[in-house]
PDB file of N, CA and C in Angstrom:
ATOM      1  N   MET A   1       4.243 -14.487  11.718  1.00  0.00           N
ATOM      2  CA  MET A   1       3.446 -15.661  11.443  1.00  0.00           C
ATOM      3  C   MET A   1       3.701 -16.182  10.020  1.00  0.00           C
ATOM      4  N   ILE A   2       3.653 -15.298   9.009  1.00  0.00           N
ATOM      5  CA  ILE A   2       3.860 -15.759   7.646  1.00  0.00           C
ATOM      6  C   ILE A   2       5.261 -16.340   7.462  1.00  0.00           C
ATOM      7  N   ASP A   3       6.247 -15.734   8.104  1.00  0.00           N
ATOM      8  CA  ASP A   3       7.612 -16.253   7.977  1.00  0.00           C
ATOM      9  C   ASP A   3       7.728 -17.656   8.566  1.00  0.00           C
ATOM     10  N   ASP A   4       7.059 -17.882   9.705  1.00  0.00           N
ATOM     11  CA  ASP A   4       7.066 -19.217  10.301  1.00  0.00           C
ATOM     12  C   ASP A   4       6.386 -20.221   9.377  1.00  0.00           C
ATOM     13  N   TRP A   5       5.267 -19.827   8.782  1.00  0.00           N
ATOM     14  CA  TRP A   5       4.548 -20.701   7.856  1.00  0.00           C
ATOM     15  C   TRP A   5       5.429 -21.039   6.650  1.00  0.00           C
ATOM     16  N   VAL A   6       6.047 -20.044   6.071  1.00  0.00           N
ATOM     17  CA  VAL A   6       6.890 -20.255   4.893  1.00  0.00           C
ATOM     18  C   VAL A   6       8.054 -21.178   5.239  1.00  0.00           C
ATOM     19  N   THR A   7       8.681 -20.954   6.370  1.00  0.00           N
ATOM     20  CA  THR A   7       9.795 -21.808   6.794  1.00  0.00           C
ATOM     21  C   THR A   7       9.344 -23.252   6.944  1.00  0.00           C
ATOM     22  N   GLU A   8       8.220 -23.449   7.615  1.00  0.00           N
ATOM     23  CA  GLU A   8       7.689 -24.810   7.826  1.00  0.00           C
ATOM     24  C   GLU A   8       7.278 -25.459   6.509  1.00  0.00           C
ATOM     25  N   LEU A   9       6.602 -24.707   5.656  1.00  0.00           N
ATOM     26  CA  LEU A   9       6.157 -25.238   4.372  1.00  0.00           C
ATOM     27  C   LEU A   9       7.351 -25.593   3.486  1.00  0.00           C
ATOM     28  N   CYS A  10       8.336 -24.731   3.463  1.00  0.00           N
ATOM     29  CA  CYS A  10       9.542 -25.014   2.681  1.00  0.00           C
ATOM     30  C   CYS A  10      10.217 -26.294   3.164  1.00  0.00           C
ATOM     31  N   ALA A  11      10.305 -26.469   4.455  1.00  0.00           N
ATOM     32  CA  ALA A  11      10.906 -27.690   5.001  1.00  0.00           C
ATOM     33  C   ALA A  11      10.095 -28.917   4.595  1.00  0.00           C
ATOM     34  N   ALA A  12       8.783 -28.812   4.669  1.00  0.00           N
ATOM     35  CA  ALA A  12       7.917 -29.949   4.334  1.00  0.00           C
ATOM     36  C   ALA A  12       7.969 -30.294   2.853  1.00  0.00           C
ATOM     37  N   LEU A  13       8.188 -29.287   2.004  1.00  0.00           N
ATOM     38  CA  LEU A  13       8.178 -29.509   0.556  1.00  0.00           C
ATOM     39  C   LEU A  13       9.576 -29.534  -0.057  1.00  0.00           C
ATOM     40  N   ASP A  14      10.597 -29.501   0.796  1.00  0.00           N
ATOM     41  CA  ASP A  14      11.992 -29.539   0.360  1.00  0.00           C
ATOM     42  C   ASP A  14      12.319 -28.408  -0.610  1.00  0.00           C
ATOM     43  N   VAL A  15      11.930 -27.210  -0.213  1.00  0.00           N
ATOM     44  CA  VAL A  15      12.205 -26.001  -0.987  1.00  0.00           C
ATOM     45  C   VAL A  15      13.147 -25.128  -0.160  1.00  0.00           C
ATOM     46  N   PRO A  16      14.207 -24.610  -0.751  1.00  0.00           N
ATOM     47  CA  PRO A  16      15.086 -23.733   0.016  1.00  0.00           C
ATOM     48  C   PRO A  16      14.345 -22.448   0.399  1.00  0.00           C
ATOM     49  N   PRO A  17      14.273 -22.116   1.680  1.00  0.00           N
ATOM     50  CA  PRO A  17      13.533 -20.928   2.116  1.00  0.00           C
ATOM     51  C   PRO A  17      14.030 -19.638   1.481  1.00  0.00           C
ATOM     52  N   ASP A  18      15.314 -19.563   1.137  1.00  0.00           N
ATOM     53  CA  ASP A  18      15.823 -18.338   0.534  1.00  0.00           C
ATOM     54  C   ASP A  18      15.376 -18.182  -0.925  1.00  0.00           C
ATOM     55  N   ALA A  19      14.708 -19.195  -1.476  1.00  0.00           N
ATOM     56  CA  ALA A  19      14.166 -19.105  -2.835  1.00  0.00           C
ATOM     57  C   ALA A  19      12.779 -18.473  -2.846  1.00  0.00           C
ATOM     58  N   VAL A  20      12.248 -18.175  -1.671  1.00  0.00           N
ATOM     59  CA  VAL A  20      10.889 -17.642  -1.564  1.00  0.00           C
ATOM     60  C   VAL A  20      10.952 -16.172  -1.155  1.00  0.00           C
ATOM     61  N   ASP A  21      10.589 -15.302  -2.070  1.00  0.00           N
ATOM     62  CA  ASP A  21      10.515 -13.871  -1.789  1.00  0.00           C
ATOM     63  C   ASP A  21       9.065 -13.556  -1.423  1.00  0.00           C
ATOM     64  N   VAL A  22       8.773 -13.635  -0.148  1.00  0.00           N
ATOM     65  CA  VAL A  22       7.401 -13.485   0.343  1.00  0.00           C
ATOM     66  C   VAL A  22       6.812 -12.143  -0.087  1.00  0.00           C
ATOM     67  N   ALA A  23       7.552 -11.072   0.073  1.00  0.00           N
ATOM     68  CA  ALA A  23       7.027  -9.745  -0.275  1.00  0.00           C
ATOM     69  C   ALA A  23       6.673  -9.662  -1.758  1.00  0.00           C
ATOM     70  N   ALA A  24       7.536 -10.183  -2.624  1.00  0.00           N
ATOM     71  CA  ALA A  24       7.269 -10.127  -4.067  1.00  0.00           C
ATOM     72  C   ALA A  24       6.058 -10.962  -4.435  1.00  0.00           C
ATOM     73  N   LEU A  25       5.923 -12.134  -3.823  1.00  0.00           N
ATOM     74  CA  LEU A  25       4.772 -12.981  -4.127  1.00  0.00           C
ATOM     75  C   LEU A  25       3.475 -12.376  -3.611  1.00  0.00           C
ATOM     76  N   LEU A  26       3.525 -11.738  -2.447  1.00  0.00           N
ATOM     77  CA  LEU A  26       2.329 -11.067  -1.940  1.00  0.00           C
ATOM     78  C   LEU A  26       1.960  -9.872  -2.816  1.00  0.00           C
ATOM     79  N   ASP A  27       2.958  -9.159  -3.304  1.00  0.00           N
ATOM     80  CA  ASP A  27       2.694  -8.051  -4.229  1.00  0.00           C
ATOM     81  C   ASP A  27       2.053  -8.574  -5.511  1.00  0.00           C
ATOM     82  N   LEU A  28       2.564  -9.681  -6.026  1.00  0.00           N
ATOM     83  CA  LEU A  28       1.998 -10.281  -7.232  1.00  0.00           C
ATOM     84  C   LEU A  28       0.555 -10.708  -6.994  1.00  0.00           C
ATOM     85  N   ALA A  29       0.301 -11.359  -5.873  1.00  0.00           N
ATOM     86  CA  ALA A  29      -1.059 -11.793  -5.554  1.00  0.00           C
ATOM     87  C   ALA A  29      -1.994 -10.591  -5.443  1.00  0.00           C
ATOM     88  N   ARG A  30      -1.518  -9.517  -4.826  1.00  0.00           N
ATOM     89  CA  ARG A  30      -2.323  -8.298  -4.712  1.00  0.00           C
ATOM     90  C   ARG A  30      -2.645  -7.728  -6.085  1.00  0.00           C
ATOM     91  N   ASP A  31      -1.635  -7.646  -6.944  1.00  0.00           N
ATOM     92  CA  ASP A  31      -1.854  -7.101  -8.283  1.00  0.00           C
ATOM     93  C   ASP A  31      -2.849  -7.946  -9.071  1.00  0.00           C
ATOM     94  N   ALA A  32      -2.721  -9.254  -8.995  1.00  0.00           N
ATOM     95  CA  ALA A  32      -3.654 -10.132  -9.710  1.00  0.00           C
ATOM     96  C   ALA A  32      -5.065  -9.989  -9.155  1.00  0.00           C
ATOM     97  N   ALA A  33      -5.191  -9.922  -7.836  1.00  0.00           N
ATOM     98  CA  ALA A  33      -6.520  -9.800  -7.218  1.00  0.00           C
ATOM     99  C   ALA A  33      -7.178  -8.472  -7.556  1.00  0.00           C
ATOM    100  N   HIS A  34      -6.413  -7.408  -7.565  1.00  0.00           N
ATOM    101  CA  HIS A  34      -6.994  -6.079  -7.785  1.00  0.00           C
ATOM    102  C   HIS A  34      -7.199  -5.738  -9.248  1.00  0.00           C
ATOM    103  N   HIS A  35      -6.313  -6.195 -10.111  1.00  0.00           N
ATOM    104  CA  HIS A  35      -6.383  -5.794 -11.513  1.00  0.00           C
ATOM    105  C   HIS A  35      -7.068  -6.824 -12.406  1.00  0.00           C
ATOM    106  N   VAL A  36      -7.129  -8.063 -11.977  1.00  0.00           N
ATOM    107  CA  VAL A  36      -7.798  -9.111 -12.758  1.00  0.00           C
ATOM    108  C   VAL A  36      -9.101  -9.445 -12.037  1.00  0.00           C
ATOM    109  N   GLU A  37      -9.022 -10.264 -11.014  1.00  0.00           N
ATOM    110  CA  GLU A  37     -10.113 -10.546 -10.093  1.00  0.00           C
ATOM    111  C   GLU A  37      -9.548 -11.381  -8.952  1.00  0.00           C
ATOM    112  N   ARG A  38     -10.244 -11.383  -7.829  1.00  0.00           N
ATOM    113  CA  ARG A  38      -9.698 -12.018  -6.616  1.00  0.00           C
ATOM    114  C   ARG A  38      -9.198 -13.438  -6.833  1.00  0.00           C
ATOM    115  N   PRO A  39      -9.970 -14.303  -7.495  1.00  0.00           N
ATOM    116  CA  PRO A  39      -9.470 -15.676  -7.660  1.00  0.00           C
ATOM    117  C   PRO A  39      -8.190 -15.782  -8.480  1.00  0.00           C
ATOM    118  N   ALA A  40      -7.819 -14.724  -9.162  1.00  0.00           N
ATOM    119  CA  ALA A  40      -6.578 -14.764  -9.946  1.00  0.00           C
ATOM    120  C   ALA A  40      -5.341 -14.781  -9.057  1.00  0.00           C
ATOM    121  N   ALA A  41      -5.454 -14.347  -7.821  1.00  0.00           N
ATOM    122  CA  ALA A  41      -4.278 -14.268  -6.947  1.00  0.00           C
ATOM    123  C   ALA A  41      -3.613 -15.628  -6.721  1.00  0.00           C
ATOM    124  N   PRO A  42      -4.328 -16.629  -6.208  1.00  0.00           N
ATOM    125  CA  PRO A  42      -3.639 -17.908  -5.990  1.00  0.00           C
ATOM    126  C   PRO A  42      -3.271 -18.607  -7.294  1.00  0.00           C
ATOM    127  N   ILE A  43      -4.111 -18.469  -8.307  1.00  0.00           N
ATOM    128  CA  ILE A  43      -3.819 -19.111  -9.589  1.00  0.00           C
ATOM    129  C   ILE A  43      -2.557 -18.506 -10.210  1.00  0.00           C
ATOM    130  N   THR A  44      -2.431 -17.193 -10.134  1.00  0.00           N
ATOM    131  CA  THR A  44      -1.268 -16.505 -10.706  1.00  0.00           C
ATOM    132  C   THR A  44       0.010 -16.939 -10.005  1.00  0.00           C
ATOM    133  N   THR A  45      -0.007 -16.959  -8.684  1.00  0.00           N
ATOM    134  CA  THR A  45       1.208 -17.350  -7.966  1.00  0.00           C
ATOM    135  C   THR A  45       1.543 -18.825  -8.220  1.00  0.00           C
ATOM    136  N   TYR A  46       0.528 -19.660  -8.358  1.00  0.00           N
ATOM    137  CA  TYR A  46       0.769 -21.071  -8.685  1.00  0.00           C
ATOM    138  C   TYR A  46       1.433 -21.201 -10.053  1.00  0.00           C
ATOM    139  N   ILE A  47       0.881 -20.501 -11.044  1.00  0.00           N
ATOM    140  CA  ILE A  47       1.421 -20.601 -12.400  1.00  0.00           C
ATOM    141  C   ILE A  47       2.851 -20.075 -12.452  1.00  0.00           C
ATOM    142  N   VAL A  48       3.134 -18.994 -11.739  1.00  0.00           N
ATOM    143  CA  VAL A  48       4.508 -18.479 -11.686  1.00  0.00           C
ATOM    144  C   VAL A  48       5.422 -19.535 -11.062  1.00  0.00           C
ATOM    145  N   GLY A  49       4.982 -20.167  -9.994  1.00  0.00           N
ATOM    146  CA  GLY A  49       5.795 -21.215  -9.369  1.00  0.00           C
ATOM    147  C   GLY A  49       6.020 -22.404 -10.289  1.00  0.00           C
ATOM    148  N   LEU A  50       4.981 -22.791 -11.006  1.00  0.00           N
ATOM    149  CA  LEU A  50       5.094 -23.892 -11.959  1.00  0.00           C
ATOM    150  C   LEU A  50       6.074 -23.536 -13.071  1.00  0.00           C
ATOM    151  N   ALA A  51       5.924 -22.343 -13.624  1.00  0.00           N
ATOM    152  CA  ALA A  51       6.831 -21.891 -14.689  1.00  0.00           C
ATOM    153  C   ALA A  51       8.269 -21.810 -14.181  1.00  0.00           C
ATOM    154  N   ALA A  52       8.450 -21.310 -12.970  1.00  0.00           N
ATOM    155  CA  ALA A  52       9.789 -21.198 -12.400  1.00  0.00           C
ATOM    156  C   ALA A  52      10.411 -22.580 -12.206  1.00  0.00           C
ATOM    157  N   GLY A  53       9.636 -23.508 -11.712  1.00  0.00           N
ATOM    158  CA  GLY A  53      10.138 -24.867 -11.534  1.00  0.00           C
ATOM    159  C   GLY A  53      10.553 -25.501 -12.850  1.00  0.00           C
ATOM    160  N   ARG A  54       9.751 -25.276 -13.871  1.00  0.00           N
ATOM    161  CA  ARG A  54      10.069 -25.830 -15.194  1.00  0.00           C
ATOM    162  C   ARG A  54      11.315 -25.187 -15.788  1.00  0.00           C
ATOM    163  N   ALA A  55      11.608 -23.954 -15.374  1.00  0.00           N
ATOM    164  CA  ALA A  55      12.771 -23.239 -15.895  1.00  0.00           C
ATOM    165  C   ALA A  55      14.000 -23.383 -15.002  1.00  0.00           C
ATOM    166  N   GLY A  56      13.947 -24.231 -14.026  1.00  0.00           N
ATOM    167  CA  GLY A  56      15.105 -24.455 -13.166  1.00  0.00           C
ATOM    168  C   GLY A  56      14.921 -24.009 -11.739  1.00  0.00           C
ATOM    169  N   GLY A  57      14.023 -23.057 -11.511  1.00  0.00           N
ATOM    170  CA  GLY A  57      13.636 -22.677 -10.167  1.00  0.00           C
ATOM    171  C   GLY A  57      14.612 -21.854  -9.361  1.00  0.00           C
ATOM    172  N   ASP A  58      15.657 -21.301  -9.986  1.00  0.00           N
ATOM    173  CA  ASP A  58      16.565 -20.489  -9.174  1.00  0.00           C
ATOM    174  C   ASP A  58      15.915 -19.143  -8.844  1.00  0.00           C
ATOM    175  N   ALA A  59      16.486 -18.458  -7.880  1.00  0.00           N
ATOM    176  CA  ALA A  59      15.887 -17.221  -7.365  1.00  0.00           C
ATOM    177  C   ALA A  59      15.742 -16.154  -8.444  1.00  0.00           C
ATOM    178  N   SER A  60      16.703 -16.050  -9.344  1.00  0.00           N
ATOM    179  CA  SER A  60      16.601 -15.024 -10.383  1.00  0.00           C
ATOM    180  C   SER A  60      15.478 -15.339 -11.366  1.00  0.00           C
ATOM    181  N   THR A  61      15.255 -16.609 -11.656  1.00  0.00           N
ATOM    182  CA  THR A  61      14.149 -17.003 -12.530  1.00  0.00           C
ATOM    183  C   THR A  61      12.818 -16.688 -11.875  1.00  0.00           C
ATOM    184  N   VAL A  62      12.695 -17.017 -10.601  1.00  0.00           N
ATOM    185  CA  VAL A  62      11.461 -16.718  -9.867  1.00  0.00           C
ATOM    186  C   VAL A  62      11.209 -15.214  -9.879  1.00  0.00           C
ATOM    187  N   ALA A  63      12.231 -14.436  -9.618  1.00  0.00           N
ATOM    188  CA  ALA A  63      12.077 -12.978  -9.592  1.00  0.00           C
ATOM    189  C   ALA A  63      11.658 -12.440 -10.952  1.00  0.00           C
ATOM    190  N   GLU A  64      12.263 -12.933 -12.026  1.00  0.00           N
ATOM    191  CA  GLU A  64      11.942 -12.452 -13.368  1.00  0.00           C
ATOM    192  C   GLU A  64      10.506 -12.820 -13.743  1.00  0.00           C
ATOM    193  N   LEU A  65      10.097 -14.040 -13.460  1.00  0.00           N
ATOM    194  CA  LEU A  65       8.737 -14.468 -13.793  1.00  0.00           C
ATOM    195  C   LEU A  65       7.700 -13.756 -12.926  1.00  0.00           C
ATOM    196  N   THR A  66       8.030 -13.517 -11.673  1.00  0.00           N
ATOM    197  CA  THR A  66       7.128 -12.770 -10.787  1.00  0.00           C
ATOM    198  C   THR A  66       6.940 -11.358 -11.308  1.00  0.00           C
ATOM    199  N   ALA A  67       8.027 -10.719 -11.719  1.00  0.00           N
ATOM    200  CA  ALA A  67       7.939  -9.359 -12.263  1.00  0.00           C
ATOM    201  C   ALA A  67       7.135  -9.341 -13.557  1.00  0.00           C
ATOM    202  N   ARG A  68       7.361 -10.314 -14.428  1.00  0.00           N
ATOM    203  CA  ARG A  68       6.642 -10.369 -15.697  1.00  0.00           C
ATOM    204  C   ARG A  68       5.136 -10.559 -15.471  1.00  0.00           C
ATOM    205  N   ALA A  69       4.784 -11.459 -14.566  1.00  0.00           N
ATOM    206  CA  ALA A  69       3.368 -11.691 -14.264  1.00  0.00           C
ATOM    207  C   ALA A  69       2.741 -10.466 -13.611  1.00  0.00           C
ATOM    208  N   GLY A  70       3.498  -9.779 -12.763  1.00  0.00           N
ATOM    209  CA  GLY A  70       2.991  -8.564 -12.133  1.00  0.00           C
ATOM    210  C   GLY A  70       2.697  -7.473 -13.145  1.00  0.00           C
ATOM    211  N   ARG A  71       3.591  -7.309 -14.115  1.00  0.00           N
ATOM    212  CA  ARG A  71       3.349  -6.312 -15.171  1.00  0.00           C
ATOM    213  C   ARG A  71       2.098  -6.660 -15.969  1.00  0.00           C
ATOM    214  N   LEU A  72       1.940  -7.928 -16.286  1.00  0.00           N
ATOM    215  CA  LEU A  72       0.757  -8.366 -17.023  1.00  0.00           C
ATOM    216  C   LEU A  72      -0.508  -8.088 -16.222  1.00  0.00           C
ATOM    217  N   ALA A  73      -0.492  -8.413 -14.936  1.00  0.00           N
ATOM    218  CA  ALA A  73      -1.673  -8.191 -14.088  1.00  0.00           C
ATOM    219  C   ALA A  73      -1.987  -6.708 -13.957  1.00  0.00           C
ATOM    220  N   ARG A  74      -0.971  -5.898 -13.728  1.00  0.00           N
ATOM    221  CA  ARG A  74      -1.212  -4.458 -13.562  1.00  0.00           C
ATOM    222  C   ARG A  74      -1.739  -3.810 -14.830  1.00  0.00           C
ATOM    223  N   GLY A  75      -1.404  -4.345 -15.976  1.00  0.00           N
ATOM    224  CA  GLY A  75      -1.895  -3.802 -17.234  1.00  0.00           C
ATOM    225  C   GLY A  75      -3.201  -4.408 -17.703  1.00  0.00           C
ATOM    226  N   TRP A  76      -3.709  -5.373 -16.964  1.00  0.00           N
ATOM    227  CA  TRP A  76      -4.888  -6.117 -17.388  1.00  0.00           C
ATOM    228  C   TRP A  76      -6.106  -5.229 -17.609  1.00  0.00           C
ATOM    229  N   ASN A  77      -6.442  -4.349 -16.676  1.00  0.00           N
ATOM    230  CA  ASN A  77      -7.603  -3.488 -16.828  1.00  0.00           C
ATOM    231  C   ASN A  77      -7.436  -2.497 -17.979  1.00  0.00           C
ATOM    232  N   ALA A  78      -6.199  -2.164 -18.285  1.00  0.00           N
ATOM    233  CA  ALA A  78      -5.945  -1.184 -19.327  1.00  0.00           C
ATOM    234  C   ALA A  78      -6.363  -1.729 -20.698  1.00  0.00           C
ATOM    235  N   ASP A  79      -6.089  -2.983 -20.961  1.00  0.00           N
ATOM    236  CA  ASP A  79      -6.402  -3.530 -22.278  1.00  0.00           C
ATOM    237  C   ASP A  79      -6.426  -5.056 -22.221  1.00  0.00           C
ATOM    238  N   PRO A  80      -7.458  -5.650 -21.571  1.00  0.00           N
ATOM    239  CA  PRO A  80      -7.507  -7.112 -21.521  1.00  0.00           C
ATOM    240  C   PRO A  80      -7.738  -7.673 -22.912  1.00  0.00           C
ATOM    241  N   PRO A  81      -7.202  -8.863 -23.177  1.00  0.00           N
ATOM    242  CA  PRO A  81      -7.401  -9.461 -24.492  1.00  0.00           C
ATOM    243  C   PRO A  81      -8.880  -9.760 -24.736  1.00  0.00           C
ATOM    244  N   GLU A  82      -9.279  -9.719 -25.995  1.00  0.00           N
ATOM    245  CA  GLU A  82     -10.663 -10.018 -26.340  1.00  0.00           C
ATOM    246  C   GLU A  82     -10.916 -11.509 -26.211  1.00  0.00           C
ATOM    247  N   GLN A  83     -12.118 -11.859 -25.786  1.00  0.00           N
ATOM    248  CA  GLN A  83     -12.531 -13.244 -25.693  1.00  0.00           C
ATOM    249  C   GLN A  83     -12.907 -13.754 -27.089  1.00  0.00           C
ATOM    250  N   THR A  84     -12.474 -14.949 -27.418  1.00  0.00           N
ATOM    251  CA  THR A  84     -12.838 -15.514 -28.720  1.00  0.00           C
ATOM    252  C   THR A  84     -13.672 -16.749 -28.536  1.00  0.00           C
TER     253      THR A  84
END
């Protein structure tokens, strides 16, 4: 089901389907939801997509930004920044 959705959405938004690593994005969403808070999941994946698009949007950029955001999310409970 998710693969069909991704294929259809990519076609509708003119995104190459091979640029979407569903497993990595779901892992990122899980990490953000569990280590930050649930609403962080869609916001995190959106921001990664926005950053990737601004940086050219190739698959390696998406992968690097997804990994970087995942590390940040997983470390969030360990030492979140202080609120100012």
